[in-house]
Amino acid sequence: MLTAVVDTCGDYEVIEAFSGFEALRLLPRNHVDLILTDINMPDINGLELISYLRANPNYKDIPVFIISTEGSAKDIEKGKQLGADEYIVKPFSPESLQKLIAHYLNKTP
């Protein structure tokens, strides 16, 4: 579903990783303008992924959105403290995600 939402935002190439480890493996091989992650992923979870991204000078400035069913105030606070730019709780409206993507990539929705 996320790929379909991003595809409607413009001419973006979507690179999918099915685990946190795969995301870390793909990052050096691709130019990335925005990262969408869930908290619950195999191997390396989304919070660990964000910690790595924010500690790495090559990735620290890339906007990161957490999109998760984990929506407690504590989860949201933790994600933001680790460096997530946005925390989106599932279910969400595709339009709200499209507006956030447009905002962070400096394009009008």
C-alpha atoms as a PDB file:
ATOM      1  CA  MET A   1       0.000   0.000   0.000  1.00  0.00           C
ATOM      2  CA  LEU A   2       2.825   2.423   0.807  1.00  0.00           C
ATOM      3  CA  THR A   3       4.309   1.971  -2.656  1.00  0.00           C
ATOM      4  CA  ALA A   4       0.961   2.893  -4.232  1.00  0.00           C
ATOM      5  CA  VAL A   5       0.666   6.011  -2.046  1.00  0.00           C
ATOM      6  CA  VAL A   6       4.202   7.151  -2.892  1.00  0.00           C
ATOM      7  CA  ASP A   7       3.671   6.433  -6.594  1.00  0.00           C
ATOM      8  CA  THR A   8       0.796   8.913  -6.672  1.00  0.00           C
ATOM      9  CA  CYS A   9       3.033  11.649  -5.206  1.00  0.00           C
ATOM     10  CA  GLY A  10       5.134  12.054  -8.297  1.00  0.00           C
ATOM     11  CA  ASP A  11       7.895  10.473 -10.286  1.00  0.00           C
ATOM     12  CA  TYR A  12       9.717   8.711  -7.455  1.00  0.00           C
ATOM     13  CA  GLU A  13      11.573   5.448  -7.498  1.00  0.00           C
ATOM     14  CA  VAL A  14      10.545   3.275  -4.565  1.00  0.00           C
ATOM     15  CA  ILE A  15      13.115   0.918  -3.104  1.00  0.00           C
ATOM     16  CA  GLU A  16      11.602  -1.683  -0.816  1.00  0.00           C
ATOM     17  CA  ALA A  17      13.385  -3.471   1.988  1.00  0.00           C
ATOM     18  CA  PHE A  18      11.622  -6.246   3.833  1.00  0.00           C
ATOM     19  CA  SER A  19      13.740  -6.054   6.968  1.00  0.00           C
ATOM     20  CA  GLY A  20      15.883  -3.548   8.800  1.00  0.00           C
ATOM     21  CA  PHE A  21      19.010  -5.465   7.815  1.00  0.00           C
ATOM     22  CA  GLU A  22      18.029  -5.355   4.147  1.00  0.00           C
ATOM     23  CA  ALA A  23      17.453  -1.590   4.425  1.00  0.00           C
ATOM     24  CA  LEU A  24      20.984  -1.140   5.796  1.00  0.00           C
ATOM     25  CA  ARG A  25      22.343  -3.268   2.960  1.00  0.00           C
ATOM     26  CA  LEU A  26      20.486  -1.267   0.287  1.00  0.00           C
ATOM     27  CA  LEU A  27      21.207   2.239   1.579  1.00  0.00           C
ATOM     28  CA  PRO A  28      24.819   2.541   0.355  1.00  0.00           C
ATOM     29  CA  ARG A  29      23.784   1.324  -3.108  1.00  0.00           C
ATOM     30  CA  ASN A  30      21.020   3.877  -3.698  1.00  0.00           C
ATOM     31  CA  HIS A  31      20.398   7.604  -3.464  1.00  0.00           C
ATOM     32  CA  VAL A  32      17.568   8.032  -0.956  1.00  0.00           C
ATOM     33  CA  ASP A  33      15.574  11.232  -0.361  1.00  0.00           C
ATOM     34  CA  LEU A  34      13.066   9.892   2.179  1.00  0.00           C
ATOM     35  CA  ILE A  35      12.780   6.783   4.346  1.00  0.00           C
ATOM     36  CA  LEU A  36       9.536   5.206   5.518  1.00  0.00           C
ATOM     37  CA  THR A  37       9.900   2.539   8.189  1.00  0.00           C
ATOM     38  CA  ASP A  38       7.788   0.515  10.555  1.00  0.00           C
ATOM     39  CA  ILE A  39       8.877  -0.182  14.100  1.00  0.00           C
ATOM     40  CA  ASN A  40       8.175  -3.908  13.856  1.00  0.00           C
ATOM     41  CA  MET A  41      10.532  -5.421  11.310  1.00  0.00           C
ATOM     42  CA  PRO A  42      12.613  -8.589  11.245  1.00  0.00           C
ATOM     43  CA  ASP A  43      16.283  -8.495  12.246  1.00  0.00           C
ATOM     44  CA  ILE A  44      16.736  -4.800  13.001  1.00  0.00           C
ATOM     45  CA  ASN A  45      13.610  -2.921  14.080  1.00  0.00           C
ATOM     46  CA  GLY A  46      12.677   0.544  12.888  1.00  0.00           C
ATOM     47  CA  LEU A  47      13.921   2.263  16.030  1.00  0.00           C
ATOM     48  CA  GLU A  48      17.345   0.637  15.673  1.00  0.00           C
ATOM     49  CA  LEU A  49      17.353   1.636  12.005  1.00  0.00           C
ATOM     50  CA  ILE A  50      16.643   5.269  12.891  1.00  0.00           C
ATOM     51  CA  SER A  51      19.379   5.251  15.534  1.00  0.00           C
ATOM     52  CA  TYR A  52      21.847   4.035  12.917  1.00  0.00           C
ATOM     53  CA  LEU A  53      20.680   6.611  10.350  1.00  0.00           C
ATOM     54  CA  ARG A  54      20.949   9.542  12.744  1.00  0.00           C
ATOM     55  CA  ALA A  55      24.436   8.476  13.874  1.00  0.00           C
ATOM     56  CA  ASN A  56      25.725   8.135  10.300  1.00  0.00           C
ATOM     57  CA  PRO A  57      26.815  11.374   8.575  1.00  0.00           C
ATOM     58  CA  ASN A  58      25.752   9.985   5.177  1.00  0.00           C
ATOM     59  CA  TYR A  59      22.121   9.524   6.269  1.00  0.00           C
ATOM     60  CA  LYS A  60      21.556  11.825   9.255  1.00  0.00           C
ATOM     61  CA  ASP A  61      19.723  14.503   7.237  1.00  0.00           C
ATOM     62  CA  ILE A  62      17.374  12.203   5.296  1.00  0.00           C
ATOM     63  CA  PRO A  63      13.774  12.637   6.472  1.00  0.00           C
ATOM     64  CA  VAL A  64      12.472   9.495   8.193  1.00  0.00           C
ATOM     65  CA  PHE A  65       8.819   8.666   8.794  1.00  0.00           C
ATOM     66  CA  ILE A  66       7.743   5.902  11.145  1.00  0.00           C
ATOM     67  CA  ILE A  67       4.503   4.305   9.999  1.00  0.00           C
ATOM     68  CA  SER A  68       3.316   1.854  12.611  1.00  0.00           C
ATOM     69  CA  THR A  69       0.402   0.347  14.513  1.00  0.00           C
ATOM     70  CA  GLU A  70       2.380   1.128  17.685  1.00  0.00           C
ATOM     71  CA  GLY A  71       0.633   4.385  18.507  1.00  0.00           C
ATOM     72  CA  SER A  72       0.944   4.998  22.229  1.00  0.00           C
ATOM     73  CA  ALA A  73       2.255   8.344  23.414  1.00  0.00           C
ATOM     74  CA  LYS A  74       5.349   6.526  24.707  1.00  0.00           C
ATOM     75  CA  ASP A  75       6.013   4.927  21.276  1.00  0.00           C
ATOM     76  CA  ILE A  76       5.597   8.238  19.477  1.00  0.00           C
ATOM     77  CA  GLU A  77       7.854  10.048  21.942  1.00  0.00           C
ATOM     78  CA  LYS A  78      10.534   7.350  21.605  1.00  0.00           C
ATOM     79  CA  GLY A  79      10.431   7.525  17.800  1.00  0.00           C
ATOM     80  CA  LYS A  80      10.705  11.314  17.800  1.00  0.00           C
ATOM     81  CA  GLN A  81      13.530  11.276  20.375  1.00  0.00           C
ATOM     82  CA  LEU A  82      15.497   8.882  18.186  1.00  0.00           C
ATOM     83  CA  GLY A  83      15.137  11.245  15.248  1.00  0.00           C
ATOM     84  CA  ALA A  84      11.995  10.365  13.312  1.00  0.00           C
ATOM     85  CA  ASP A  85      10.738  13.438  11.488  1.00  0.00           C
ATOM     86  CA  GLU A  86       7.162  12.147  11.451  1.00  0.00           C
ATOM     87  CA  TYR A  87       5.317   9.383  13.287  1.00  0.00           C
ATOM     88  CA  ILE A  88       2.211   8.153  11.477  1.00  0.00           C
ATOM     89  CA  VAL A  89      -0.116   5.722  13.220  1.00  0.00           C
ATOM     90  CA  LYS A  90      -1.892   3.067  11.143  1.00  0.00           C
ATOM     91  CA  PRO A  91      -4.506   3.265   9.835  1.00  0.00           C
ATOM     92  CA  PHE A  92      -3.863   6.618   8.188  1.00  0.00           C
ATOM     93  CA  SER A  93      -5.268   8.464   5.224  1.00  0.00           C
ATOM     94  CA  PRO A  94      -3.180   8.216   2.061  1.00  0.00           C
ATOM     95  CA  GLU A  95      -3.762  11.928   1.478  1.00  0.00           C
ATOM     96  CA  SER A  96      -2.127  12.864   4.787  1.00  0.00           C
ATOM     97  CA  LEU A  97       0.970  10.819   3.900  1.00  0.00           C
ATOM     98  CA  GLN A  98       1.065  12.349   0.420  1.00  0.00           C
ATOM     99  CA  LYS A  99       0.994  15.856   1.916  1.00  0.00           C
ATOM    100  CA  LEU A 100       3.839  15.023   4.301  1.00  0.00           C
ATOM    101  CA  ILE A 101       5.923  13.538   1.487  1.00  0.00           C
ATOM    102  CA  ALA A 102       5.326  16.632  -0.644  1.00  0.00           C
ATOM    103  CA  HIS A 103       6.274  18.887   2.267  1.00  0.00           C
ATOM    104  CA  TYR A 104       9.540  17.078   3.015  1.00  0.00           C
ATOM    105  CA  LEU A 105      10.515  16.783  -0.622  1.00  0.00           C
ATOM    106  CA  ASN A 106       9.578  20.446  -1.241  1.00  0.00           C
ATOM    107  CA  LYS A 107       6.902  19.712  -3.788  1.00  0.00           C
ATOM    108  CA  THR A 108       3.354  20.962  -3.696  1.00  0.00           C
ATOM    109  CA  PRO A 109       0.793  18.222  -2.984  1.00  0.00           C
END
